[in-house]
Amino acid sequence: MALATWWISDPLPGLRPLAGFTAALAEDDAALARLNRIPLEEVRARRAAGHRPYVGALDGVPVTYGWVATREASIGELGLSFRLPEGERYLWDFATLPEWQGRGLYPRLLQAILAAEVCEARRFWIIHAPENLPSGAGMGKAGLEPVGALSFDAMGGVALRPTSARERAAAGARLLGVPLIEEALAPCWHCGRPAAEDGAGAACWPPAPQQASSCTCAVQPRPPIALAGV
């Protein structure tokens, strides 16, 4: 996983206005459940836990969505849960309907969320899976800076390896409650999961001594509605 962030002192890239695009907090739970393809009870449970849903629309048609965690969050793929201090936000579960992808909706939704939440928050965090290249591109266009790789270490624990902006990577590690390390991490979270669960590892992780690790997962693209699709 790649961890990215935006802090209140950072500039925001200018994005060309997209005719007919609007974004706001979702108010209709039933409509949100249909768009998000989750049960209505799940929508209500997320709200009760302090998660805020945003929906983007084109000419009034809801086509993209995302959630903002304000109190607590989790990364299920890594079995990681953490609390958010006051003034910090975690962005998660983003998607764009397949027929509307490729129009630049994702970075515009992200920037709309930053603009709406910045009155209460100063730091924003988000992740994307390495195989989800459109998600990473959309984050970059919105102004979110990648700071580290988040995956399993050789012992099966979750750790963060800085890739840039070490100070911010360290802040991200503190937020997530994981160590900041310089050693190699599993090439992808799929590879590291077996080692984390039972110590057996995958064919490529942990690597044998003096043997370079390359991912053997052959990760396939997600179904049409993908996390953080654009």
C-alpha atoms as a PDB file:
ATOM      1  CA  MET A   1       0.000   0.000   0.000  1.00  0.00           C
ATOM      2  CA  ALA A   2       1.167   3.540  -0.689  1.00  0.00           C
ATOM      3  CA  LEU A   3       0.455   6.103   2.026  1.00  0.00           C
ATOM      4  CA  ALA A   4      -0.153   9.681   0.872  1.00  0.00           C
ATOM      5  CA  THR A   5      -0.985  12.865   2.722  1.00  0.00           C
ATOM      6  CA  TRP A   6      -1.976  16.516   2.385  1.00  0.00           C
ATOM      7  CA  TRP A   7      -1.327  19.095   5.088  1.00  0.00           C
ATOM      8  CA  ILE A   8      -3.074  22.412   5.468  1.00  0.00           C
ATOM      9  CA  SER A   9       0.100  24.335   4.548  1.00  0.00           C
ATOM     10  CA  ASP A  10       0.397  22.511   1.200  1.00  0.00           C
ATOM     11  CA  PRO A  11      -0.694  24.121  -2.053  1.00  0.00           C
ATOM     12  CA  LEU A  12      -3.459  22.498  -4.044  1.00  0.00           C
ATOM     13  CA  PRO A  13      -2.914  21.910  -7.773  1.00  0.00           C
ATOM     14  CA  GLY A  14      -5.340  23.831  -9.912  1.00  0.00           C
ATOM     15  CA  LEU A  15      -7.802  21.537 -11.658  1.00  0.00           C
ATOM     16  CA  ARG A  16      -9.761  22.715 -14.662  1.00  0.00           C
ATOM     17  CA  PRO A  17     -13.440  23.132 -13.715  1.00  0.00           C
ATOM     18  CA  LEU A  18     -15.585  20.237 -14.875  1.00  0.00           C
ATOM     19  CA  ALA A  19     -18.937  21.404 -16.199  1.00  0.00           C
ATOM     20  CA  GLY A  20     -21.843  20.073 -14.173  1.00  0.00           C
ATOM     21  CA  PHE A  21     -19.732  18.568 -11.381  1.00  0.00           C
ATOM     22  CA  THR A  22     -20.741  19.114  -7.760  1.00  0.00           C
ATOM     23  CA  ALA A  23     -19.722  17.394  -4.543  1.00  0.00           C
ATOM     24  CA  ALA A  24     -21.225  17.534  -1.067  1.00  0.00           C
ATOM     25  CA  LEU A  25     -21.951  15.519   2.050  1.00  0.00           C
ATOM     26  CA  ALA A  26     -24.488  12.798   1.342  1.00  0.00           C
ATOM     27  CA  GLU A  27     -27.794  13.193   3.151  1.00  0.00           C
ATOM     28  CA  ASP A  28     -29.912  10.346   1.739  1.00  0.00           C
ATOM     29  CA  ASP A  29     -28.730   7.126   3.377  1.00  0.00           C
ATOM     30  CA  ALA A  30     -30.816   4.856   1.150  1.00  0.00           C
ATOM     31  CA  ALA A  31     -29.483   6.451  -2.042  1.00  0.00           C
ATOM     32  CA  LEU A  32     -25.936   6.279  -0.670  1.00  0.00           C
ATOM     33  CA  ALA A  33     -26.330   2.591   0.152  1.00  0.00           C
ATOM     34  CA  ARG A  34     -27.364   1.886  -3.449  1.00  0.00           C
ATOM     35  CA  LEU A  35     -24.481   3.935  -4.876  1.00  0.00           C
ATOM     36  CA  ASN A  36     -21.942   2.437  -2.459  1.00  0.00           C
ATOM     37  CA  ARG A  37     -23.446  -1.065  -2.844  1.00  0.00           C
ATOM     38  CA  ILE A  38     -23.550  -1.700   0.882  1.00  0.00           C
ATOM     39  CA  PRO A  39     -26.500  -2.407   3.204  1.00  0.00           C
ATOM     40  CA  LEU A  40     -28.368   0.556   4.640  1.00  0.00           C
ATOM     41  CA  GLU A  41     -27.414  -0.663   8.110  1.00  0.00           C
ATOM     42  CA  GLU A  42     -23.737  -0.380   7.169  1.00  0.00           C
ATOM     43  CA  VAL A  43     -24.210   3.236   6.079  1.00  0.00           C
ATOM     44  CA  ARG A  44     -25.824   4.067   9.405  1.00  0.00           C
ATOM     45  CA  ALA A  45     -23.136   2.212  11.353  1.00  0.00           C
ATOM     46  CA  ARG A  46     -20.418   4.157   9.553  1.00  0.00           C
ATOM     47  CA  ARG A  47     -22.114   7.450  10.343  1.00  0.00           C
ATOM     48  CA  ALA A  48     -22.451   6.460  14.002  1.00  0.00           C
ATOM     49  CA  ALA A  49     -18.702   5.749  14.095  1.00  0.00           C
ATOM     50  CA  GLY A  50     -17.937   9.257  12.869  1.00  0.00           C
ATOM     51  CA  HIS A  51     -17.459   8.582   9.161  1.00  0.00           C
ATOM     52  CA  ARG A  52     -18.708  11.245   6.749  1.00  0.00           C
ATOM     53  CA  PRO A  53     -19.853  10.283   3.232  1.00  0.00           C
ATOM     54  CA  TYR A  54     -19.329  12.587   0.268  1.00  0.00           C
ATOM     55  CA  VAL A  55     -20.958  12.133  -3.127  1.00  0.00           C
ATOM     56  CA  GLY A  56     -19.957  13.706  -6.417  1.00  0.00           C
ATOM     57  CA  ALA A  57     -22.529  14.258  -9.146  1.00  0.00           C
ATOM     58  CA  LEU A  58     -22.514  15.239 -12.794  1.00  0.00           C
ATOM     59  CA  ASP A  59     -25.536  17.273 -13.821  1.00  0.00           C
ATOM     60  CA  GLY A  60     -27.271  16.078 -10.662  1.00  0.00           C
ATOM     61  CA  VAL A  61     -26.560  12.363 -11.227  1.00  0.00           C
ATOM     62  CA  PRO A  62     -24.564  10.731  -8.377  1.00  0.00           C
ATOM     63  CA  VAL A  63     -21.549   9.054  -9.973  1.00  0.00           C
ATOM     64  CA  THR A  64     -18.730   8.959  -7.418  1.00  0.00           C
ATOM     65  CA  TYR A  65     -18.335   8.765  -3.649  1.00  0.00           C
ATOM     66  CA  GLY A  66     -15.879   8.557  -0.773  1.00  0.00           C
ATOM     67  CA  TRP A  67     -15.770   8.421   3.012  1.00  0.00           C
ATOM     68  CA  VAL A  68     -13.929  10.536   5.585  1.00  0.00           C
ATOM     69  CA  ALA A  69     -13.019   9.007   8.945  1.00  0.00           C
ATOM     70  CA  THR A  70     -12.985  11.543  11.774  1.00  0.00           C
ATOM     71  CA  ARG A  71     -12.505   9.400  14.905  1.00  0.00           C
ATOM     72  CA  GLU A  72     -11.242   5.934  14.025  1.00  0.00           C
ATOM     73  CA  ALA A  73     -10.355   3.940  10.936  1.00  0.00           C
ATOM     74  CA  SER A  74      -9.076   0.561   9.797  1.00  0.00           C
ATOM     75  CA  ILE A  75      -7.209  -0.977   6.875  1.00  0.00           C
ATOM     76  CA  GLY A  76      -8.718  -4.427   6.569  1.00  0.00           C
ATOM     77  CA  GLU A  77      -6.131  -5.796   4.131  1.00  0.00           C
ATOM     78  CA  LEU A  78      -3.442  -5.281   6.774  1.00  0.00           C
ATOM     79  CA  GLY A  79      -5.554  -6.006   9.859  1.00  0.00           C
ATOM     80  CA  LEU A  80      -4.769  -2.506  11.090  1.00  0.00           C
ATOM     81  CA  SER A  81      -7.008  -0.270  13.223  1.00  0.00           C
ATOM     82  CA  PHE A  82      -6.144   3.172  14.575  1.00  0.00           C
ATOM     83  CA  ARG A  83      -7.641   6.273  16.182  1.00  0.00           C
ATOM     84  CA  LEU A  84      -7.506   9.720  14.640  1.00  0.00           C
ATOM     85  CA  PRO A  85      -6.374  12.660  16.783  1.00  0.00           C
ATOM     86  CA  GLU A  86      -8.318  15.886  16.594  1.00  0.00           C
ATOM     87  CA  GLY A  87      -7.513  17.696  13.367  1.00  0.00           C
ATOM     88  CA  GLU A  88      -6.630  14.591  11.333  1.00  0.00           C
ATOM     89  CA  ARG A  89      -8.708  12.775   8.736  1.00  0.00           C
ATOM     90  CA  TYR A  90      -8.421   9.442   6.946  1.00  0.00           C
ATOM     91  CA  LEU A  91      -9.984   9.177   3.478  1.00  0.00           C
ATOM     92  CA  TRP A  92     -11.245   5.765   2.408  1.00  0.00           C
ATOM     93  CA  ASP A  93     -13.634   3.680   0.289  1.00  0.00           C
ATOM     94  CA  PHE A  94     -13.692   5.791  -2.857  1.00  0.00           C
ATOM     95  CA  ALA A  95     -15.169   4.658  -6.140  1.00  0.00           C
ATOM     96  CA  THR A  96     -16.549   5.993  -9.400  1.00  0.00           C
ATOM     97  CA  LEU A  97     -19.244   4.200 -11.375  1.00  0.00           C
ATOM     98  CA  PRO A  98     -17.596   2.388 -14.314  1.00  0.00           C
ATOM     99  CA  GLU A  99     -19.396   4.303 -17.053  1.00  0.00           C
ATOM    100  CA  TRP A 100     -18.182   7.616 -15.576  1.00  0.00           C
ATOM    101  CA  GLN A 101     -14.535   6.731 -15.080  1.00  0.00           C
ATOM    102  CA  GLY A 102     -11.806   8.505 -17.018  1.00  0.00           C
ATOM    103  CA  ARG A 103     -13.286  12.000 -16.612  1.00  0.00           C
ATOM    104  CA  GLY A 104     -11.148  13.183 -13.717  1.00  0.00           C
ATOM    105  CA  LEU A 105     -13.896  12.908 -11.114  1.00  0.00           C
ATOM    106  CA  TYR A 106     -11.758  11.329  -8.398  1.00  0.00           C
ATOM    107  CA  PRO A 107      -9.213  14.157  -7.931  1.00  0.00           C
ATOM    108  CA  ARG A 108     -12.006  16.715  -8.035  1.00  0.00           C
ATOM    109  CA  LEU A 109     -13.952  14.841  -5.372  1.00  0.00           C
ATOM    110  CA  LEU A 110     -10.811  14.667  -3.238  1.00  0.00           C
ATOM    111  CA  GLN A 111     -10.215  18.392  -3.531  1.00  0.00           C
ATOM    112  CA  ALA A 112     -13.859  19.106  -2.727  1.00  0.00           C
ATOM    113  CA  ILE A 113     -13.505  17.024   0.448  1.00  0.00           C
ATOM    114  CA  LEU A 114     -10.293  18.795   1.450  1.00  0.00           C
ATOM    115  CA  ALA A 115     -11.992  22.164   0.972  1.00  0.00           C
ATOM    116  CA  ALA A 116     -15.002  21.095   3.043  1.00  0.00           C
ATOM    117  CA  GLU A 117     -13.050  19.464   5.892  1.00  0.00           C
ATOM    118  CA  VAL A 118     -10.173  21.931   6.180  1.00  0.00           C
ATOM    119  CA  CYS A 119     -12.163  24.140   8.542  1.00  0.00           C
ATOM    120  CA  GLU A 120     -11.801  21.365  11.154  1.00  0.00           C
ATOM    121  CA  ALA A 121      -8.738  19.385  10.045  1.00  0.00           C
ATOM    122  CA  ARG A 122      -5.122  20.148   9.220  1.00  0.00           C
ATOM    123  CA  ARG A 123      -3.814  16.766   8.026  1.00  0.00           C
ATOM    124  CA  PHE A 124      -5.370  14.239   5.644  1.00  0.00           C
ATOM    125  CA  TRP A 125      -4.217  10.672   4.960  1.00  0.00           C
ATOM    126  CA  ILE A 126      -5.106   8.120   2.299  1.00  0.00           C
ATOM    127  CA  ILE A 127      -3.742   4.844   0.887  1.00  0.00           C
ATOM    128  CA  HIS A 128      -3.969   2.995  -2.378  1.00  0.00           C
ATOM    129  CA  ALA A 129      -3.005  -0.500  -3.450  1.00  0.00           C
ATOM    130  CA  PRO A 130       0.039  -0.615  -5.759  1.00  0.00           C
ATOM    131  CA  GLU A 131      -1.941  -2.413  -8.452  1.00  0.00           C
ATOM    132  CA  ASN A 132      -4.514   0.403  -8.509  1.00  0.00           C
ATOM    133  CA  LEU A 133      -2.536   2.829 -10.668  1.00  0.00           C
ATOM    134  CA  PRO A 134      -5.494   5.109 -11.509  1.00  0.00           C
ATOM    135  CA  SER A 135      -6.047   5.683  -7.809  1.00  0.00           C
ATOM    136  CA  GLY A 136      -2.462   6.795  -7.244  1.00  0.00           C
ATOM    137  CA  ALA A 137      -2.599   9.085 -10.266  1.00  0.00           C
ATOM    138  CA  GLY A 138      -5.831  10.674  -9.050  1.00  0.00           C
ATOM    139  CA  MET A 139      -4.388  11.333  -5.608  1.00  0.00           C
ATOM    140  CA  GLY A 140      -1.379  13.031  -7.132  1.00  0.00           C
ATOM    141  CA  LYS A 141      -3.552  15.239  -9.313  1.00  0.00           C
ATOM    142  CA  ALA A 142      -5.517  16.282  -6.236  1.00  0.00           C
ATOM    143  CA  GLY A 143      -2.333  17.262  -4.391  1.00  0.00           C
ATOM    144  CA  LEU A 144      -1.891  14.325  -1.998  1.00  0.00           C
ATOM    145  CA  GLU A 145       1.818  13.505  -1.675  1.00  0.00           C
ATOM    146  CA  PRO A 146       3.003   9.869  -1.369  1.00  0.00           C
ATOM    147  CA  VAL A 147       5.288   9.500   1.640  1.00  0.00           C
ATOM    148  CA  GLY A 148       5.723   5.788   2.305  1.00  0.00           C
ATOM    149  CA  ALA A 149       5.044   2.158   1.480  1.00  0.00           C
ATOM    150  CA  LEU A 150       2.842   0.284   3.950  1.00  0.00           C
ATOM    151  CA  SER A 151       3.071  -3.496   4.015  1.00  0.00           C
ATOM    152  CA  PHE A 152       4.248  -6.507   6.002  1.00  0.00           C
ATOM    153  CA  ASP A 153       7.851  -6.849   7.155  1.00  0.00           C
ATOM    154  CA  ALA A 154       9.849 -10.087   7.159  1.00  0.00           C
ATOM    155  CA  MET A 155       8.417 -11.030  10.574  1.00  0.00           C
ATOM    156  CA  GLY A 156       4.808 -10.616   9.426  1.00  0.00           C
ATOM    157  CA  GLY A 157       4.200  -7.298  11.186  1.00  0.00           C
ATOM    158  CA  VAL A 158       2.879  -4.158   9.520  1.00  0.00           C
ATOM    159  CA  ALA A 159       5.458  -1.409   8.982  1.00  0.00           C
ATOM    160  CA  LEU A 160       5.946   1.763   6.953  1.00  0.00           C
ATOM    161  CA  ARG A 161       9.005   2.428   4.797  1.00  0.00           C
ATOM    162  CA  PRO A 162       9.514   6.082   3.863  1.00  0.00           C
ATOM    163  CA  THR A 163       9.715   6.824   0.151  1.00  0.00           C
ATOM    164  CA  SER A 164       9.910  10.632   0.479  1.00  0.00           C
ATOM    165  CA  ALA A 165       9.306  13.386   3.037  1.00  0.00           C
ATOM    166  CA  ARG A 166      10.627  11.356   5.973  1.00  0.00           C
ATOM    167  CA  GLU A 167       9.118  13.741   8.555  1.00  0.00           C
ATOM    168  CA  ARG A 168       5.673  13.166   7.122  1.00  0.00           C
ATOM    169  CA  ALA A 169       6.253   9.431   6.826  1.00  0.00           C
ATOM    170  CA  ALA A 170       7.164   9.410  10.524  1.00  0.00           C
ATOM    171  CA  ALA A 171       3.950  11.288  11.320  1.00  0.00           C
ATOM    172  CA  GLY A 172       2.009   8.714   9.315  1.00  0.00           C
ATOM    173  CA  ALA A 173       3.680   5.831  11.153  1.00  0.00           C
ATOM    174  CA  ARG A 174       2.753   7.395  14.509  1.00  0.00           C
ATOM    175  CA  LEU A 175      -0.834   7.844  13.376  1.00  0.00           C
ATOM    176  CA  LEU A 176      -1.127   4.230  12.209  1.00  0.00           C
ATOM    177  CA  GLY A 177       0.764   2.875  15.213  1.00  0.00           C
ATOM    178  CA  VAL A 178       3.365   1.048  13.109  1.00  0.00           C
ATOM    179  CA  PRO A 179       7.173   1.234  13.045  1.00  0.00           C
ATOM    180  CA  LEU A 180       9.021   3.322  10.470  1.00  0.00           C
ATOM    181  CA  ILE A 181      11.740   1.124   8.976  1.00  0.00           C
ATOM    182  CA  GLU A 182      14.307   1.237   6.189  1.00  0.00           C
ATOM    183  CA  GLU A 183      14.275  -2.503   5.508  1.00  0.00           C
ATOM    184  CA  ALA A 184      12.412  -4.042   2.595  1.00  0.00           C
ATOM    185  CA  LEU A 185       8.705  -4.785   2.916  1.00  0.00           C
ATOM    186  CA  ALA A 186       6.601  -7.405   1.180  1.00  0.00           C
ATOM    187  CA  PRO A 187       6.246  -6.389  -2.500  1.00  0.00           C
ATOM    188  CA  CYS A 188       2.483  -6.243  -1.988  1.00  0.00           C
ATOM    189  CA  TRP A 189       0.122  -6.908   0.900  1.00  0.00           C
ATOM    190  CA  HIS A 190      -1.041 -10.124  -0.782  1.00  0.00           C
ATOM    191  CA  CYS A 191       2.496 -11.527  -0.514  1.00  0.00           C
ATOM    192  CA  GLY A 192       2.928 -10.631   3.135  1.00  0.00           C
ATOM    193  CA  ARG A 193      -0.442 -11.799   4.413  1.00  0.00           C
ATOM    194  CA  PRO A 194       0.448 -15.540   4.636  1.00  0.00           C
ATOM    195  CA  ALA A 195       3.544 -14.736   6.681  1.00  0.00           C
ATOM    196  CA  ALA A 196       1.508 -12.467   8.930  1.00  0.00           C
ATOM    197  CA  GLU A 197      -1.169 -15.113   9.482  1.00  0.00           C
ATOM    198  CA  ASP A 198       0.759 -18.353   9.897  1.00  0.00           C
ATOM    199  CA  GLY A 199       4.413 -17.654   9.247  1.00  0.00           C
ATOM    200  CA  ALA A 200       4.469 -19.733   6.058  1.00  0.00           C
ATOM    201  CA  GLY A 201       4.929 -16.790   3.725  1.00  0.00           C
ATOM    202  CA  ALA A 202       4.396 -16.654  -0.015  1.00  0.00           C
ATOM    203  CA  ALA A 203       6.737 -17.896  -2.730  1.00  0.00           C
ATOM    204  CA  CYS A 204       8.386 -14.478  -2.843  1.00  0.00           C
ATOM    205  CA  TRP A 205       8.122 -13.362   0.797  1.00  0.00           C
ATOM    206  CA  PRO A 206      10.006 -13.361   3.051  1.00  0.00           C
ATOM    207  CA  PRO A 207      12.897 -13.585   0.574  1.00  0.00           C
ATOM    208  CA  ALA A 208      15.644 -16.143   0.989  1.00  0.00           C
ATOM    209  CA  PRO A 209      19.034 -14.711   2.000  1.00  0.00           C
ATOM    210  CA  GLN A 210      20.730 -12.833  -0.864  1.00  0.00           C
ATOM    211  CA  GLN A 211      17.694 -13.397  -3.050  1.00  0.00           C
ATOM    212  CA  ALA A 212      15.767 -10.474  -4.483  1.00  0.00           C
ATOM    213  CA  SER A 213      12.034 -10.609  -3.879  1.00  0.00           C
ATOM    214  CA  SER A 214       9.660 -10.095  -6.752  1.00  0.00           C
ATOM    215  CA  CYS A 215       5.931 -10.380  -6.407  1.00  0.00           C
ATOM    216  CA  THR A 216       4.461 -13.702  -7.564  1.00  0.00           C
ATOM    217  CA  CYS A 217       0.858 -12.882  -6.689  1.00  0.00           C
ATOM    218  CA  ALA A 218      -0.184 -12.016 -10.249  1.00  0.00           C
ATOM    219  CA  VAL A 219      -2.698  -9.609  -8.747  1.00  0.00           C
ATOM    220  CA  GLN A 220      -5.667  -9.145 -11.027  1.00  0.00           C
ATOM    221  CA  PRO A 221      -7.476  -5.811 -11.484  1.00  0.00           C
ATOM    222  CA  ARG A 222     -10.473  -5.272  -9.244  1.00  0.00           C
ATOM    223  CA  PRO A 223     -14.055  -5.580 -10.530  1.00  0.00           C
ATOM    224  CA  PRO A 224     -15.646  -2.631 -12.381  1.00  0.00           C
ATOM    225  CA  ILE A 225     -16.273  -0.551  -9.244  1.00  0.00           C
ATOM    226  CA  ALA A 226     -12.795  -0.319  -7.753  1.00  0.00           C
ATOM    227  CA  LEU A 227     -11.602   1.393  -4.622  1.00  0.00           C
ATOM    228  CA  ALA A 228     -10.596   4.927  -5.468  1.00  0.00           C
ATOM    229  CA  GLY A 229     -11.420   4.513  -9.162  1.00  0.00           C
ATOM    230  CA  VAL A 230     -11.346   7.554 -11.410  1.00  0.00           C
END
